[in-house]
N, C-alpha and C. Protein backbone atom coordinates (compact mmCIF):
# COMPACT_ATOMS: atom_id res chain seq x y z
N ASP A 1 18.43 -32.93 -222.06
CA ASP A 1 17.39 -32.16 -223.14
C ASP A 1 18.18 -30.97 -223.51
N ALA A 2 19.52 -30.90 -223.25
CA ALA A 2 20.26 -29.54 -223.27
C ALA A 2 20.09 -29.35 -225.47
N GLY A 3 19.57 -28.50 -225.33
CA GLY A 3 19.44 -28.05 -226.81
C GLY A 3 18.16 -28.23 -227.49
N GLU A 4 17.78 -28.77 -226.56
CA GLU A 4 15.92 -28.72 -227.04
C GLU A 4 15.27 -27.32 -226.22
N ARG A 5 14.11 -27.19 -227.74
CA ARG A 5 13.71 -25.81 -227.13
C ARG A 5 12.29 -25.76 -225.83
N LEU A 6 12.43 -24.64 -225.44
CA LEU A 6 11.44 -24.71 -224.16
C LEU A 6 10.17 -25.02 -224.29
N ASP A 7 8.99 -25.21 -225.15
CA ASP A 7 8.18 -25.03 -225.30
C ASP A 7 8.22 -26.95 -225.79
N VAL A 8 9.18 -27.45 -226.33
CA VAL A 8 8.96 -28.62 -226.75
C VAL A 8 9.25 -29.92 -225.56
N PHE A 9 10.28 -29.13 -224.68
CA PHE A 9 10.79 -29.64 -223.37
C PHE A 9 9.21 -29.42 -222.60
N LEU A 10 8.58 -28.63 -222.68
CA LEU A 10 7.77 -28.51 -221.56
C LEU A 10 6.13 -29.42 -222.09
N ALA A 11 6.38 -29.40 -222.73
CA ALA A 11 5.29 -30.22 -223.92
C ALA A 11 4.75 -31.54 -223.89
N ARG A 12 5.93 -32.10 -222.66
CA ARG A 12 5.70 -33.55 -221.93
C ARG A 12 5.17 -33.91 -220.41
N VAL A 13 4.74 -32.26 -220.27
CA VAL A 13 4.29 -32.36 -219.03
C VAL A 13 3.17 -31.43 -218.60
N ALA A 14 3.08 -30.85 -220.06
CA ALA A 14 1.54 -29.89 -219.96
C ALA A 14 0.71 -30.43 -220.96
N GLY A 15 1.05 -31.63 -221.49
CA GLY A 15 0.22 -32.20 -222.12
C GLY A 15 -0.01 -32.22 -223.79
N SER A 16 0.63 -30.93 -224.65
CA SER A 16 0.89 -30.44 -225.60
C SER A 16 1.81 -29.17 -225.97
N ARG A 17 2.22 -28.82 -226.84
CA ARG A 17 3.06 -27.90 -227.21
C ARG A 17 2.32 -26.79 -227.15
N THR A 18 0.79 -26.98 -227.57
CA THR A 18 0.41 -25.58 -227.73
C THR A 18 -0.36 -25.19 -226.30
N ALA A 19 -0.07 -25.83 -225.11
CA ALA A 19 -0.56 -25.65 -223.75
C ALA A 19 0.72 -25.46 -222.94
N ALA A 20 2.05 -26.01 -223.41
CA ALA A 20 2.86 -25.11 -222.92
C ALA A 20 3.13 -23.87 -223.37
N GLN A 21 3.26 -23.56 -224.62
CA GLN A 21 3.36 -22.29 -225.16
C GLN A 21 2.73 -21.28 -224.57
N ALA A 22 0.85 -21.80 -223.77
CA ALA A 22 0.77 -20.86 -224.28
C ALA A 22 0.86 -20.51 -222.20
N LEU A 23 1.50 -21.12 -221.70
CA LEU A 23 2.06 -21.34 -219.97
C LEU A 23 3.15 -20.80 -220.08
N ILE A 24 4.14 -20.37 -221.08
CA ILE A 24 4.92 -19.73 -221.08
C ILE A 24 4.53 -18.03 -221.69
N GLU A 25 3.99 -17.72 -222.63
CA GLU A 25 3.55 -16.72 -222.83
C GLU A 25 2.62 -15.76 -221.54
N ALA A 26 1.89 -16.95 -221.36
CA ALA A 26 1.20 -16.03 -219.63
C ALA A 26 2.48 -16.16 -218.36
N GLY A 27 3.36 -16.53 -218.79
CA GLY A 27 4.79 -15.93 -217.79
C GLY A 27 4.81 -17.10 -216.01
N HIS A 28 4.10 -18.19 -216.50
CA HIS A 28 3.68 -19.37 -215.56
C HIS A 28 5.28 -20.03 -215.71
N VAL A 29 6.19 -19.66 -216.62
CA VAL A 29 6.99 -20.73 -217.06
C VAL A 29 8.85 -19.64 -216.67
N LEU A 30 9.46 -20.17 -215.65
CA LEU A 30 10.75 -19.58 -216.14
C LEU A 30 11.97 -20.59 -215.47
N VAL A 31 13.44 -20.31 -216.05
CA VAL A 31 14.30 -20.60 -216.66
C VAL A 31 14.86 -20.17 -215.69
N ASP A 32 15.66 -20.74 -214.09
CA ASP A 32 16.87 -20.49 -213.80
C ASP A 32 16.34 -18.91 -212.88
N GLY A 33 14.71 -18.89 -212.69
CA GLY A 33 13.95 -17.65 -212.46
C GLY A 33 14.02 -16.26 -213.45
N MET A 34 13.79 -16.53 -214.50
CA MET A 34 13.72 -15.98 -215.71
C MET A 34 13.03 -16.08 -216.42
N GLY A 35 11.96 -15.26 -217.03
CA GLY A 35 10.85 -15.62 -218.09
C GLY A 35 11.80 -15.98 -219.27
N ARG A 36 11.21 -16.84 -220.45
CA ARG A 36 12.61 -16.90 -221.31
C ARG A 36 11.11 -17.40 -222.69
N GLN A 37 11.24 -17.06 -223.44
CA GLN A 37 10.34 -17.18 -224.79
C GLN A 37 10.43 -19.04 -225.21
N LYS A 38 9.16 -18.82 -225.43
CA LYS A 38 9.02 -20.31 -225.82
C LYS A 38 10.30 -21.37 -226.98
N ARG A 39 10.82 -19.89 -227.47
CA ARG A 39 11.91 -20.78 -228.60
C ARG A 39 13.59 -20.30 -227.80
N HIS A 40 13.47 -20.69 -226.35
CA HIS A 40 14.50 -20.88 -225.86
C HIS A 40 15.33 -21.94 -225.68
N ARG A 41 16.31 -22.19 -225.93
CA ARG A 41 16.94 -23.67 -226.28
C ARG A 41 17.61 -23.61 -224.87
N LEU A 42 17.28 -24.85 -224.26
CA LEU A 42 17.58 -25.36 -222.90
C LEU A 42 19.33 -25.80 -223.05
N GLU A 43 20.50 -25.31 -222.12
CA GLU A 43 21.51 -26.04 -222.30
C GLU A 43 21.58 -26.67 -221.30
N GLY A 44 21.19 -26.89 -220.65
CA GLY A 44 21.32 -28.42 -219.71
C GLY A 44 21.90 -27.89 -218.41
N GLY A 45 21.08 -28.66 -217.61
CA GLY A 45 21.22 -27.70 -215.62
C GLY A 45 20.93 -27.42 -215.31
N GLU A 46 19.55 -26.32 -216.60
CA GLU A 46 18.89 -25.00 -216.02
C GLU A 46 17.87 -26.01 -214.94
N ARG A 47 17.29 -24.98 -214.05
CA ARG A 47 16.09 -25.58 -213.42
C ARG A 47 14.23 -24.38 -213.74
N VAL A 48 13.83 -25.31 -214.26
CA VAL A 48 12.53 -25.04 -214.91
C VAL A 48 11.23 -25.34 -213.95
N THR A 49 10.96 -23.98 -214.34
CA THR A 49 9.72 -24.03 -212.92
C THR A 49 8.42 -23.62 -213.47
N ILE A 50 7.45 -24.24 -213.12
CA ILE A 50 6.14 -23.64 -213.49
C ILE A 50 5.03 -23.53 -212.78
N ASP A 51 4.70 -22.60 -212.67
CA ASP A 51 3.33 -22.06 -211.54
C ASP A 51 2.16 -22.24 -212.20
N TRP A 52 1.54 -23.57 -212.10
CA TRP A 52 0.04 -23.99 -212.99
C TRP A 52 -0.54 -22.82 -211.84
N PRO A 53 -2.04 -22.53 -213.30
CA PRO A 53 -2.88 -21.67 -213.05
C PRO A 53 -3.49 -22.52 -212.80
N GLU A 54 -4.98 -21.85 -211.39
CA GLU A 54 -5.91 -22.86 -210.97
C GLU A 54 -6.44 -22.99 -212.04
N PRO A 55 -7.48 -24.02 -212.50
CA PRO A 55 -8.38 -24.63 -214.03
C PRO A 55 -9.42 -23.73 -213.68
N GLU A 56 -10.07 -23.10 -214.94
CA GLU A 56 -11.11 -22.44 -215.22
C GLU A 56 -12.61 -23.24 -214.41
N PRO A 57 -13.32 -23.01 -213.68
CA PRO A 57 -14.63 -23.65 -213.30
C PRO A 57 -15.53 -24.19 -214.57
N GLU A 58 -15.81 -25.16 -214.87
CA GLU A 58 -16.76 -25.90 -215.65
C GLU A 58 -17.66 -25.10 -215.58
N PRO A 59 -18.73 -24.33 -217.00
CA PRO A 59 -19.57 -23.96 -217.31
C PRO A 59 -21.00 -24.74 -216.53
N ASP A 60 -21.82 -23.73 -216.08
CA ASP A 60 -23.17 -24.90 -215.92
C ASP A 60 -23.98 -24.77 -217.03
N VAL A 61 -23.66 -26.28 -217.28
CA VAL A 61 -24.90 -26.18 -218.52
C VAL A 61 -25.45 -27.73 -218.92
N PRO A 62 -26.68 -27.01 -219.06
CA PRO A 62 -27.97 -28.46 -218.78
C PRO A 62 -27.81 -29.20 -220.10
N PRO A 63 -27.91 -30.23 -219.19
CA PRO A 63 -27.92 -31.69 -219.99
C PRO A 63 -28.98 -31.25 -221.39
N ALA A 64 -27.94 -31.94 -222.31
CA ALA A 64 -29.13 -32.11 -223.76
C ALA A 64 -29.93 -32.90 -223.55
N GLU A 65 -31.22 -32.91 -225.00
CA GLU A 65 -32.52 -33.43 -225.02
C GLU A 65 -31.93 -34.25 -225.67
N PHE A 66 -32.44 -35.40 -225.90
CA PHE A 66 -32.44 -36.19 -227.03
C PHE A 66 -33.39 -36.70 -227.61
N ARG A 67 -33.82 -37.12 -228.14
CA ARG A 67 -35.53 -37.66 -228.73
C ARG A 67 -34.70 -38.85 -229.84
N ILE A 68 -35.18 -39.94 -229.43
CA ILE A 68 -34.43 -41.05 -230.03
C ILE A 68 -36.26 -41.55 -231.77
N ALA A 69 -35.48 -40.98 -232.70
CA ALA A 69 -36.54 -40.57 -233.80
C ALA A 69 -37.21 -42.00 -234.14
N TYR A 70 -36.12 -43.00 -234.51
CA TYR A 70 -36.02 -44.56 -235.10
C TYR A 70 -35.20 -45.34 -234.17
N GLN A 71 -35.85 -46.62 -234.04
CA GLN A 71 -34.51 -47.31 -233.59
C GLN A 71 -35.15 -49.15 -233.47
N ASP A 72 -34.77 -49.66 -234.35
CA ASP A 72 -34.97 -51.07 -234.34
C ASP A 72 -33.48 -51.83 -234.19
N ASP A 73 -33.48 -53.57 -234.88
CA ASP A 73 -32.51 -54.01 -234.18
C ASP A 73 -31.04 -54.17 -234.28
N ASP A 74 -30.79 -52.95 -235.83
CA ASP A 74 -29.90 -52.74 -236.24
C ASP A 74 -29.78 -51.12 -236.23
N VAL A 75 -30.13 -50.45 -236.02
CA VAL A 75 -30.33 -48.97 -236.61
C VAL A 75 -31.05 -47.96 -234.98
N LEU A 76 -30.30 -47.08 -235.17
CA LEU A 76 -30.70 -46.45 -234.12
C LEU A 76 -30.81 -44.57 -234.57
N VAL A 77 -32.22 -44.02 -234.62
CA VAL A 77 -31.80 -42.60 -234.87
C VAL A 77 -31.92 -41.77 -234.09
N VAL A 78 -31.28 -40.91 -233.98
CA VAL A 78 -31.03 -39.82 -232.82
C VAL A 78 -31.25 -38.45 -232.93
N ASP A 79 -32.20 -37.69 -232.79
CA ASP A 79 -32.56 -36.32 -233.12
C ASP A 79 -31.82 -35.40 -231.97
N LYS A 80 -30.70 -34.63 -231.93
CA LYS A 80 -30.20 -34.35 -231.58
C LYS A 80 -30.04 -32.79 -231.34
N PRO A 81 -29.54 -31.80 -230.45
CA PRO A 81 -29.99 -30.52 -230.60
C PRO A 81 -28.75 -29.78 -231.65
N ALA A 82 -28.23 -29.23 -232.17
CA ALA A 82 -27.35 -28.34 -232.63
C ALA A 82 -26.42 -28.01 -231.84
N GLY A 83 -24.93 -28.57 -232.36
CA GLY A 83 -24.35 -28.35 -231.87
C GLY A 83 -23.60 -29.58 -230.52
N VAL A 84 -24.18 -30.00 -230.75
CA VAL A 84 -23.69 -31.69 -230.10
C VAL A 84 -22.78 -32.44 -230.83
N VAL A 85 -21.57 -32.61 -230.33
CA VAL A 85 -20.96 -33.24 -231.24
C VAL A 85 -20.89 -35.11 -231.22
N VAL A 86 -21.34 -35.40 -232.17
CA VAL A 86 -20.76 -36.48 -232.45
C VAL A 86 -20.08 -37.70 -233.28
N HIS A 87 -19.79 -38.64 -232.81
CA HIS A 87 -18.77 -38.93 -232.94
C HIS A 87 -19.13 -40.54 -233.63
């Protein structure tokens, strides 16, 4: 991993480069015991440590209410609250 940016290296364990950068900026990542910037290039042989923060608790959100507006063998029309994501 020598020559690789710290944030790119961490993205493999953090799940994304954005998550890796957030960890670095929050001071949760040390390289040989020192904080480094996300653009720091690894030299090889360094020890990278991550102090994983506690996950934030999920907010209590009541379940959304859905109403079936129309249904037949081929079509289902659902009346959903605004803000509920549909795929």
